Amino acid sequence: MIRTTAPPKSDINWQEIASPQGYADTAPNFIAELIQETLALTYRLFIQLRRRPSTLLAGIIQPIMWLVLFGALFQNAPKGIFGSMISYNHFLGAGIIVFTAFAGALNAGLPVMFDREFGFLNRLLVAPLASRFSIVLSSAIFIISQSLLQAAVIVSAAALLGAGLPNVSGLGVIALIIFFWL
């Protein structure tokens, strides 16, 4: 005669674990998870930038070339055309900063587009993220930091070329322009 034995009963109540009430006492912190996901995705974009620094170098060298070439080309512009206190280098430096911020805003969607092209976006969309907004937020943080770096280099180059450094309100306006365009 064959006798079967039942496995010993465990102390775990699986019904309680599977029910939504089982997790009522451990509410997840949504903001902390969103910040963690955003920082991780932003770090991933900075790793890509470190592996491919040519994109940052091109974004910095191109405005400096405009500043040097157009500054040299129009250095003999009529003196009173922009007012008595403003030289063409002041005008050109501000314009290049705005144009660089605008170009950064145009390129803000490129990381997400490349992720979609190579299939990584699909992996992110099926991942258990707290919010999909972290994908967009990480891209925005990355582009803003890159644009601020470019603006700092442009302001430094303009100061070396004789345009002078902006005051505190001018730096605030530069930061607002970058955040506004992005």
Protein backbone atom coordinates (compact mmCIF):
# COMPACT_ATOMS: atom_id res chain seq x y z
CA MET A 1 0.00 0.00 0.00
CA ILE A 2 1.26 3.43 -0.96
CA ARG A 3 0.89 6.14 1.53
CA THR A 4 1.16 9.81 0.61
CA THR A 5 2.13 12.43 3.02
CA ALA A 6 1.21 16.09 2.81
CA PRO A 7 4.00 18.61 3.04
CA PRO A 8 4.18 20.42 6.33
CA LYS A 9 2.15 23.60 6.59
CA SER A 10 4.16 26.79 6.52
CA ASP A 11 3.51 29.74 8.74
CA ILE A 12 3.18 32.07 5.75
CA ASN A 13 -0.32 33.21 4.91
CA TRP A 14 -0.18 33.55 1.12
CA GLN A 15 -3.67 35.06 0.86
CA GLU A 16 -2.59 37.95 3.02
CA ILE A 17 0.55 38.54 0.98
CA ALA A 18 -1.27 38.40 -2.37
CA SER A 19 -4.00 40.79 -1.32
CA PRO A 20 -3.55 44.55 -1.72
CA GLN A 21 -4.23 45.03 1.97
CA GLY A 22 -1.00 43.15 2.72
CA TYR A 23 1.02 46.15 1.51
CA ALA A 24 -1.10 48.86 3.10
CA ASP A 25 1.38 49.47 5.91
CA THR A 26 4.39 49.86 3.56
CA ALA A 27 3.32 52.72 1.27
CA PRO A 28 6.02 53.50 -1.30
CA ASN A 29 7.47 56.98 -1.32
CA PHE A 30 6.58 58.16 -4.83
CA ILE A 31 8.76 61.27 -4.81
CA ALA A 32 11.84 59.37 -3.61
CA GLU A 33 11.36 56.72 -6.30
CA LEU A 34 10.86 59.39 -8.98
CA ILE A 35 14.05 61.16 -7.91
CA GLN A 36 16.01 57.90 -7.84
CA GLU A 37 14.79 56.92 -11.33
CA THR A 38 15.46 60.38 -12.73
CA LEU A 39 18.98 60.46 -11.30
CA ALA A 40 19.73 56.97 -12.62
CA LEU A 41 18.51 57.84 -16.13
CA THR A 42 20.36 61.17 -16.05
CA TYR A 43 23.54 59.37 -14.97
CA ARG A 44 23.05 57.03 -17.93
CA LEU A 45 22.95 60.03 -20.30
CA PHE A 46 26.14 61.43 -18.76
CA ILE A 47 27.82 58.05 -19.26
CA GLN A 48 26.82 58.23 -22.94
CA LEU A 49 28.30 61.72 -23.12
CA ARG A 50 31.54 60.53 -21.54
CA ARG A 51 31.76 57.73 -24.10
CA ARG A 52 31.01 60.13 -26.97
CA PRO A 53 32.46 63.53 -26.01
CA SER A 54 32.44 64.78 -29.59
CA THR A 55 28.84 65.94 -29.21
CA LEU A 56 29.75 68.20 -26.30
CA LEU A 57 32.90 69.46 -28.00
CA ALA A 58 30.99 70.29 -31.18
CA GLY A 59 28.35 72.09 -29.13
CA ILE A 60 31.05 74.19 -27.47
CA ILE A 61 33.39 74.78 -30.42
CA GLN A 62 30.69 75.87 -32.87
CA PRO A 63 29.46 78.89 -30.83
CA ILE A 64 33.05 79.90 -30.06
CA MET A 65 33.82 79.80 -33.80
CA TRP A 66 30.81 82.07 -34.45
CA LEU A 67 31.96 84.40 -31.68
CA VAL A 68 35.48 84.64 -33.05
CA LEU A 69 34.62 84.77 -36.76
CA PHE A 70 31.63 87.12 -36.62
CA GLY A 71 33.34 89.23 -33.96
CA ALA A 72 36.35 89.69 -36.23
CA LEU A 73 34.14 90.25 -39.27
CA PHE A 74 32.00 92.96 -37.68
CA GLN A 75 34.54 94.55 -35.33
CA ASN A 76 34.43 97.74 -37.39
CA ALA A 77 30.64 98.04 -37.27
CA PRO A 78 29.39 101.60 -36.74
CA LYS A 79 29.91 102.50 -33.09
CA GLY A 80 26.50 104.02 -32.31
CA ILE A 81 24.33 101.36 -33.95
CA PHE A 82 23.63 99.44 -30.68
CA GLY A 83 23.71 102.43 -28.36
CA SER A 84 26.59 104.38 -26.95
CA MET A 85 27.58 101.81 -24.30
CA ILE A 86 27.14 98.52 -26.20
CA SER A 87 29.75 97.16 -28.58
CA TYR A 88 29.08 94.58 -31.24
CA ASN A 89 30.82 91.92 -29.12
CA HIS A 90 28.25 92.44 -26.33
CA PHE A 91 25.43 92.11 -28.83
CA LEU A 92 26.99 89.07 -30.50
CA GLY A 93 27.75 87.26 -27.23
CA ALA A 94 24.15 87.58 -26.03
CA GLY A 95 22.81 86.46 -29.39
CA ILE A 96 25.03 83.40 -29.48
CA ILE A 97 23.97 82.42 -25.96
CA VAL A 98 20.30 82.63 -26.97
CA PHE A 99 20.95 80.71 -30.17
CA THR A 100 22.86 78.02 -28.28
CA ALA A 101 19.99 77.65 -25.80
CA PHE A 102 17.56 77.40 -28.72
CA ALA A 103 19.71 74.74 -30.41
CA GLY A 104 19.84 72.84 -27.11
CA ALA A 105 16.06 72.95 -26.93
CA LEU A 106 15.84 71.57 -30.45
CA ASN A 107 18.20 68.75 -29.54
CA ALA A 108 16.45 67.94 -26.25
CA GLY A 109 14.46 65.10 -27.79
CA LEU A 110 17.44 63.37 -29.36
CA PRO A 111 18.30 61.09 -26.41
CA VAL A 112 14.73 59.76 -26.29
CA MET A 113 14.69 59.38 -30.08
CA PHE A 114 17.94 57.38 -30.03
CA ASP A 115 16.58 55.23 -27.20
CA ARG A 116 13.52 54.50 -29.32
CA GLU A 117 15.63 53.75 -32.39
CA PHE A 118 17.84 51.25 -30.58
CA GLY A 119 15.04 49.61 -28.58
CA PHE A 120 16.01 50.85 -25.13
CA LEU A 121 12.86 52.98 -24.82
CA ASN A 122 10.71 49.84 -25.07
CA ARG A 123 12.67 48.34 -22.19
CA LEU A 124 12.12 51.49 -20.15
CA LEU A 125 8.40 51.55 -20.90
CA VAL A 126 7.88 47.99 -19.64
CA ALA A 127 10.11 48.50 -16.60
CA PRO A 128 8.37 48.97 -13.26
CA LEU A 129 9.02 52.71 -13.05
CA ALA A 130 7.25 54.87 -10.51
CA SER A 131 6.46 57.31 -13.33
CA ARG A 132 7.32 57.50 -16.99
CA PHE A 133 7.82 61.20 -16.44
CA SER A 134 11.29 60.36 -15.13
CA ILE A 135 12.35 59.52 -18.71
CA VAL A 136 11.46 63.03 -19.91
CA LEU A 137 12.73 64.72 -16.76
CA SER A 138 16.14 63.05 -17.00
CA SER A 139 16.51 64.17 -20.60
CA ALA A 140 15.58 67.74 -19.64
CA ILE A 141 18.07 67.80 -16.75
CA PHE A 142 20.79 66.49 -19.05
CA ILE A 143 20.12 69.10 -21.77
CA ILE A 144 19.87 71.96 -19.24
CA SER A 145 23.19 71.05 -17.66
CA GLN A 146 24.80 70.76 -21.08
CA SER A 147 23.39 74.15 -22.15
CA LEU A 148 24.58 75.80 -18.92
CA LEU A 149 28.08 74.47 -19.56
CA GLN A 150 27.97 75.79 -23.13
CA ALA A 151 26.74 79.20 -21.92
CA ALA A 152 29.53 79.37 -19.33
CA VAL A 153 32.13 78.66 -22.01
CA ILE A 154 30.59 81.27 -24.34
CA VAL A 155 30.53 83.92 -21.60
CA SER A 156 34.17 83.14 -20.76
CA ALA A 157 35.23 83.29 -24.40
CA ALA A 158 33.32 86.55 -24.92
CA ALA A 159 35.04 88.03 -21.86
CA LEU A 160 38.44 87.02 -23.25
CA LEU A 161 37.56 88.63 -26.59
CA GLY A 162 36.73 91.95 -24.94
CA ALA A 163 32.97 91.83 -24.38
CA GLY A 164 33.35 91.77 -20.59
CA LEU A 165 31.57 89.66 -18.00
CA PRO A 166 27.86 90.10 -17.30
CA ASN A 167 26.73 91.22 -13.85
CA VAL A 168 24.55 89.10 -11.55
CA SER A 169 21.32 90.14 -13.25
CA GLY A 170 22.84 89.26 -16.63
CA LEU A 171 23.79 85.80 -15.39
CA GLY A 172 20.24 85.38 -14.07
CA VAL A 173 18.84 86.33 -17.47
CA ILE A 174 21.13 83.78 -19.13
CA ALA A 175 19.88 81.06 -16.78
CA LEU A 176 16.25 82.07 -17.42
CA ILE A 177 16.80 81.96 -21.18
CA ILE A 178 18.22 78.46 -20.96
CA PHE A 179 15.39 77.21 -18.71
CA PHE A 180 12.78 79.00 -20.85
CA TRP A 181 13.86 77.43 -24.12
CA LEU A 182 14.10 73.98 -22.64
